[in-house]
Amino acid sequence: MNTQPKKKLLDQVRDLIRSKQYSVQTEEAYVSWIRKYILFHNKTHPLEMGKPEIDAFLSHLTDDLNAAPGTRKQAFVSLPAVV
């Protein structure tokens, strides 16, 4: 019987990123974008969200925060690590 508690979502993401041998900087960036995505959607778990929520988050970056295209792309590529 496994008595260890299940890891939190962002810890699971970190483990996945490390298993792919990404750099520490990439790990930090991905985790940061995922955290912002979750908070933007009022702490909804990413498994409960899909393409409309990703589109809304990316639109928010562009429309409300005037994010550069590179910033938006970085956010976009980080989200599949969690959805």
C-alpha atoms as a PDB file:
ATOM      1  CA  MET A   1       0.000   0.000   0.000  1.00  0.00           C
ATOM      2  CA  ASN A   2       1.381   3.379  -1.042  1.00  0.00           C
ATOM      3  CA  THR A   3       1.156   5.812   1.884  1.00  0.00           C
ATOM      4  CA  GLN A   4       2.780   8.739   0.117  1.00  0.00           C
ATOM      5  CA  PRO A   5       0.409  11.605  -0.673  1.00  0.00           C
ATOM      6  CA  LYS A   6      -0.144  12.410  -4.332  1.00  0.00           C
ATOM      7  CA  LYS A   7       2.157  15.151  -5.585  1.00  0.00           C
ATOM      8  CA  LYS A   8       0.728  18.563  -6.293  1.00  0.00           C
ATOM      9  CA  LEU A   9       0.138  19.489  -9.919  1.00  0.00           C
ATOM     10  CA  LEU A  10       3.088  21.837 -10.346  1.00  0.00           C
ATOM     11  CA  ASP A  11       5.409  19.289  -8.735  1.00  0.00           C
ATOM     12  CA  GLN A  12       4.164  16.720 -11.260  1.00  0.00           C
ATOM     13  CA  VAL A  13       4.871  19.229 -14.042  1.00  0.00           C
ATOM     14  CA  ARG A  14       8.387  19.771 -12.703  1.00  0.00           C
ATOM     15  CA  ASP A  15       8.979  16.016 -12.664  1.00  0.00           C
ATOM     16  CA  LEU A  16       7.766  15.716 -16.267  1.00  0.00           C
ATOM     17  CA  ILE A  17       9.963  18.578 -17.445  1.00  0.00           C
ATOM     18  CA  ARG A  18      12.988  17.137 -15.651  1.00  0.00           C
ATOM     19  CA  SER A  19      12.347  13.714 -17.192  1.00  0.00           C
ATOM     20  CA  LYS A  20      12.631  15.397 -20.598  1.00  0.00           C
ATOM     21  CA  GLN A  21      15.920  16.966 -19.465  1.00  0.00           C
ATOM     22  CA  TYR A  22      14.834  20.533 -20.156  1.00  0.00           C
ATOM     23  CA  SER A  23      16.926  23.340 -18.692  1.00  0.00           C
ATOM     24  CA  VAL A  24      16.201  24.811 -15.283  1.00  0.00           C
ATOM     25  CA  GLN A  25      15.255  28.088 -16.975  1.00  0.00           C
ATOM     26  CA  THR A  26      12.708  26.306 -19.160  1.00  0.00           C
ATOM     27  CA  GLU A  27      11.281  24.530 -16.133  1.00  0.00           C
ATOM     28  CA  GLU A  28      10.900  27.816 -14.270  1.00  0.00           C
ATOM     29  CA  ALA A  29       9.284  29.516 -17.282  1.00  0.00           C
ATOM     30  CA  TYR A  30       6.818  26.664 -17.900  1.00  0.00           C
ATOM     31  CA  VAL A  31       5.804  26.436 -14.244  1.00  0.00           C
ATOM     32  CA  SER A  32       5.349  30.197 -14.101  1.00  0.00           C
ATOM     33  CA  TRP A  33       3.088  30.240 -17.186  1.00  0.00           C
ATOM     34  CA  ILE A  34       1.062  27.298 -15.918  1.00  0.00           C
ATOM     35  CA  ARG A  35       0.601  29.017 -12.544  1.00  0.00           C
ATOM     36  CA  LYS A  36      -0.563  32.223 -14.298  1.00  0.00           C
ATOM     37  CA  TYR A  37      -2.949  30.186 -16.483  1.00  0.00           C
ATOM     38  CA  ILE A  38      -4.494  28.495 -13.435  1.00  0.00           C
ATOM     39  CA  LEU A  39      -4.839  31.764 -11.536  1.00  0.00           C
ATOM     40  CA  PHE A  40      -6.340  33.511 -14.566  1.00  0.00           C
ATOM     41  CA  HIS A  41      -9.081  30.869 -14.540  1.00  0.00           C
ATOM     42  CA  ASN A  42      -9.786  31.249 -10.804  1.00  0.00           C
ATOM     43  CA  LYS A  43      -7.713  28.216  -9.755  1.00  0.00           C
ATOM     44  CA  THR A  44      -9.558  25.780 -12.008  1.00  0.00           C
ATOM     45  CA  HIS A  45      -7.624  22.556 -12.497  1.00  0.00           C
ATOM     46  CA  PRO A  46      -6.190  22.376 -16.035  1.00  0.00           C
ATOM     47  CA  LEU A  47      -7.757  18.964 -16.620  1.00  0.00           C
ATOM     48  CA  GLU A  48     -11.147  20.688 -16.333  1.00  0.00           C
ATOM     49  CA  MET A  49     -10.232  23.161 -19.068  1.00  0.00           C
ATOM     50  CA  GLY A  50      -9.540  22.941 -22.765  1.00  0.00           C
ATOM     51  CA  LYS A  51      -8.953  24.934 -25.925  1.00  0.00           C
ATOM     52  CA  PRO A  52     -11.447  27.751 -25.119  1.00  0.00           C
ATOM     53  CA  GLU A  53      -9.662  28.467 -21.838  1.00  0.00           C
ATOM     54  CA  ILE A  54      -6.247  28.413 -23.498  1.00  0.00           C
ATOM     55  CA  ASP A  55      -7.526  30.804 -26.175  1.00  0.00           C
ATOM     56  CA  ALA A  56      -8.982  33.117 -23.516  1.00  0.00           C
ATOM     57  CA  PHE A  57      -5.685  33.179 -21.613  1.00  0.00           C
ATOM     58  CA  LEU A  58      -3.639  33.879 -24.725  1.00  0.00           C
ATOM     59  CA  SER A  59      -6.081  36.609 -25.782  1.00  0.00           C
ATOM     60  CA  HIS A  60      -5.733  38.142 -22.334  1.00  0.00           C
ATOM     61  CA  LEU A  61      -1.958  38.243 -22.766  1.00  0.00           C
ATOM     62  CA  THR A  62      -2.271  39.969 -26.124  1.00  0.00           C
ATOM     63  CA  ASP A  63      -5.283  42.221 -25.595  1.00  0.00           C
ATOM     64  CA  ASP A  64      -5.006  43.198 -21.940  1.00  0.00           C
ATOM     65  CA  LEU A  65      -1.285  42.942 -21.248  1.00  0.00           C
ATOM     66  CA  ASN A  66       0.044  43.866 -24.701  1.00  0.00           C
ATOM     67  CA  ALA A  67       2.367  40.861 -24.579  1.00  0.00           C
ATOM     68  CA  ALA A  68       4.847  40.469 -27.413  1.00  0.00           C
ATOM     69  CA  PRO A  69       4.307  37.604 -29.850  1.00  0.00           C
ATOM     70  CA  GLY A  70       7.310  35.771 -28.388  1.00  0.00           C
ATOM     71  CA  THR A  71       5.851  36.003 -24.905  1.00  0.00           C
ATOM     72  CA  ARG A  72       2.534  34.650 -26.108  1.00  0.00           C
ATOM     73  CA  LYS A  73       4.291  31.794 -27.902  1.00  0.00           C
ATOM     74  CA  GLN A  74       6.256  30.881 -24.784  1.00  0.00           C
ATOM     75  CA  ALA A  75       3.027  30.744 -22.780  1.00  0.00           C
ATOM     76  CA  PHE A  76       1.371  28.653 -25.489  1.00  0.00           C
ATOM     77  CA  VAL A  77       4.133  26.041 -25.645  1.00  0.00           C
ATOM     78  CA  SER A  78       4.193  25.677 -21.850  1.00  0.00           C
ATOM     79  CA  LEU A  79       0.511  24.806 -21.505  1.00  0.00           C
ATOM     80  CA  PRO A  80       0.575  21.325 -23.095  1.00  0.00           C
ATOM     81  CA  ALA A  81       2.758  20.281 -20.161  1.00  0.00           C
ATOM     82  CA  VAL A  82      -0.334  20.521 -18.006  1.00  0.00           C
ATOM     83  CA  VAL A  83      -3.420  20.086 -20.219  1.00  0.00           C
END
